[in-house]
Amino acid sequence: SLSVDVNPIPIKALTSHLGFGNYELRLPLLPLEKEKANVLVNAYKAFKAEE
């Protein structure tokens, strides 16, 4: 699911969701679309549930 967008956008989005760092991006990087962010967070939750 980290491949939902170009690196490092998904990593920054996920770490921000978890409360680490911030989600500041410089051009040409743009924030994840809401649908892609939901896919990323749901995949992370599924991964954590398997631990």
C-alpha atoms as a PDB file:
ATOM      1  CA  SER A   1       0.000   0.000   0.000  1.00  0.00           C
ATOM      2  CA  LEU A   2       2.999   2.290   0.230  1.00  0.00           C
ATOM      3  CA  SER A   3       2.889   2.288  -3.543  1.00  0.00           C
ATOM      4  CA  VAL A   4      -0.392   4.252  -3.668  1.00  0.00           C
ATOM      5  CA  ASP A   5       1.644   7.321  -4.617  1.00  0.00           C
ATOM      6  CA  VAL A   6       5.232   8.357  -5.242  1.00  0.00           C
ATOM      7  CA  ASN A   7       7.742   8.069  -2.449  1.00  0.00           C
ATOM      8  CA  PRO A   8       7.996   9.785   0.156  1.00  0.00           C
ATOM      9  CA  ILE A   9       4.378  10.975   0.192  1.00  0.00           C
ATOM     10  CA  PRO A  10       2.808   7.784   1.671  1.00  0.00           C
ATOM     11  CA  ILE A  11       5.480   7.544   4.383  1.00  0.00           C
ATOM     12  CA  LYS A  12       4.963  11.172   5.392  1.00  0.00           C
ATOM     13  CA  ALA A  13       1.178  10.734   5.387  1.00  0.00           C
ATOM     14  CA  LEU A  14       1.298   7.581   7.512  1.00  0.00           C
ATOM     15  CA  THR A  15       3.781   8.930  10.054  1.00  0.00           C
ATOM     16  CA  SER A  16       1.681  12.080  10.365  1.00  0.00           C
ATOM     17  CA  HIS A  17      -1.443   9.948  10.866  1.00  0.00           C
ATOM     18  CA  LEU A  18       0.396   8.131  13.668  1.00  0.00           C
ATOM     19  CA  GLY A  19       1.328  11.435  15.314  1.00  0.00           C
ATOM     20  CA  PHE A  20       4.988  11.589  14.297  1.00  0.00           C
ATOM     21  CA  GLY A  21       6.370  14.651  12.573  1.00  0.00           C
ATOM     22  CA  ASN A  22       4.344  16.789  10.265  1.00  0.00           C
ATOM     23  CA  TYR A  23       2.897  16.443   6.818  1.00  0.00           C
ATOM     24  CA  GLU A  24       4.627  19.349   5.122  1.00  0.00           C
ATOM     25  CA  LEU A  25       5.492  18.724   1.498  1.00  0.00           C
ATOM     26  CA  ARG A  26       7.469  20.891  -0.871  1.00  0.00           C
ATOM     27  CA  LEU A  27       6.678  21.219  -4.539  1.00  0.00           C
ATOM     28  CA  PRO A  28       6.499  19.212  -6.727  1.00  0.00           C
ATOM     29  CA  LEU A  29       5.091  16.820  -4.089  1.00  0.00           C
ATOM     30  CA  LEU A  30       1.382  17.117  -3.326  1.00  0.00           C
ATOM     31  CA  PRO A  31      -0.661  15.658  -0.442  1.00  0.00           C
ATOM     32  CA  LEU A  32      -2.318  12.282  -0.894  1.00  0.00           C
ATOM     33  CA  GLU A  33      -5.857  12.273  -2.182  1.00  0.00           C
ATOM     34  CA  LYS A  34      -8.339  11.335   0.541  1.00  0.00           C
ATOM     35  CA  GLU A  35      -9.166   7.980  -1.097  1.00  0.00           C
ATOM     36  CA  LYS A  36      -5.484   7.031  -1.303  1.00  0.00           C
ATOM     37  CA  ALA A  37      -4.920   8.100   2.297  1.00  0.00           C
ATOM     38  CA  ASN A  38      -7.802   5.855   3.382  1.00  0.00           C
ATOM     39  CA  VAL A  39      -6.298   2.912   1.475  1.00  0.00           C
ATOM     40  CA  LEU A  40      -2.958   3.523   3.167  1.00  0.00           C
ATOM     41  CA  VAL A  41      -4.394   3.792   6.686  1.00  0.00           C
ATOM     42  CA  ASN A  42      -6.623   0.731   6.216  1.00  0.00           C
ATOM     43  CA  ALA A  43      -3.663  -1.318   4.985  1.00  0.00           C
ATOM     44  CA  TYR A  44      -1.626  -0.212   7.993  1.00  0.00           C
ATOM     45  CA  LYS A  45      -4.444  -1.172  10.370  1.00  0.00           C
ATOM     46  CA  ALA A  46      -4.761  -4.591   8.706  1.00  0.00           C
ATOM     47  CA  PHE A  47      -1.004  -5.094   9.009  1.00  0.00           C
ATOM     48  CA  LYS A  48      -1.052  -4.177  12.714  1.00  0.00           C
ATOM     49  CA  ALA A  49      -4.014  -6.499  13.343  1.00  0.00           C
ATOM     50  CA  GLU A  50      -1.975  -9.456  12.077  1.00  0.00           C
ATOM     51  CA  GLU A  51       0.827  -8.916  14.604  1.00  0.00           C
END
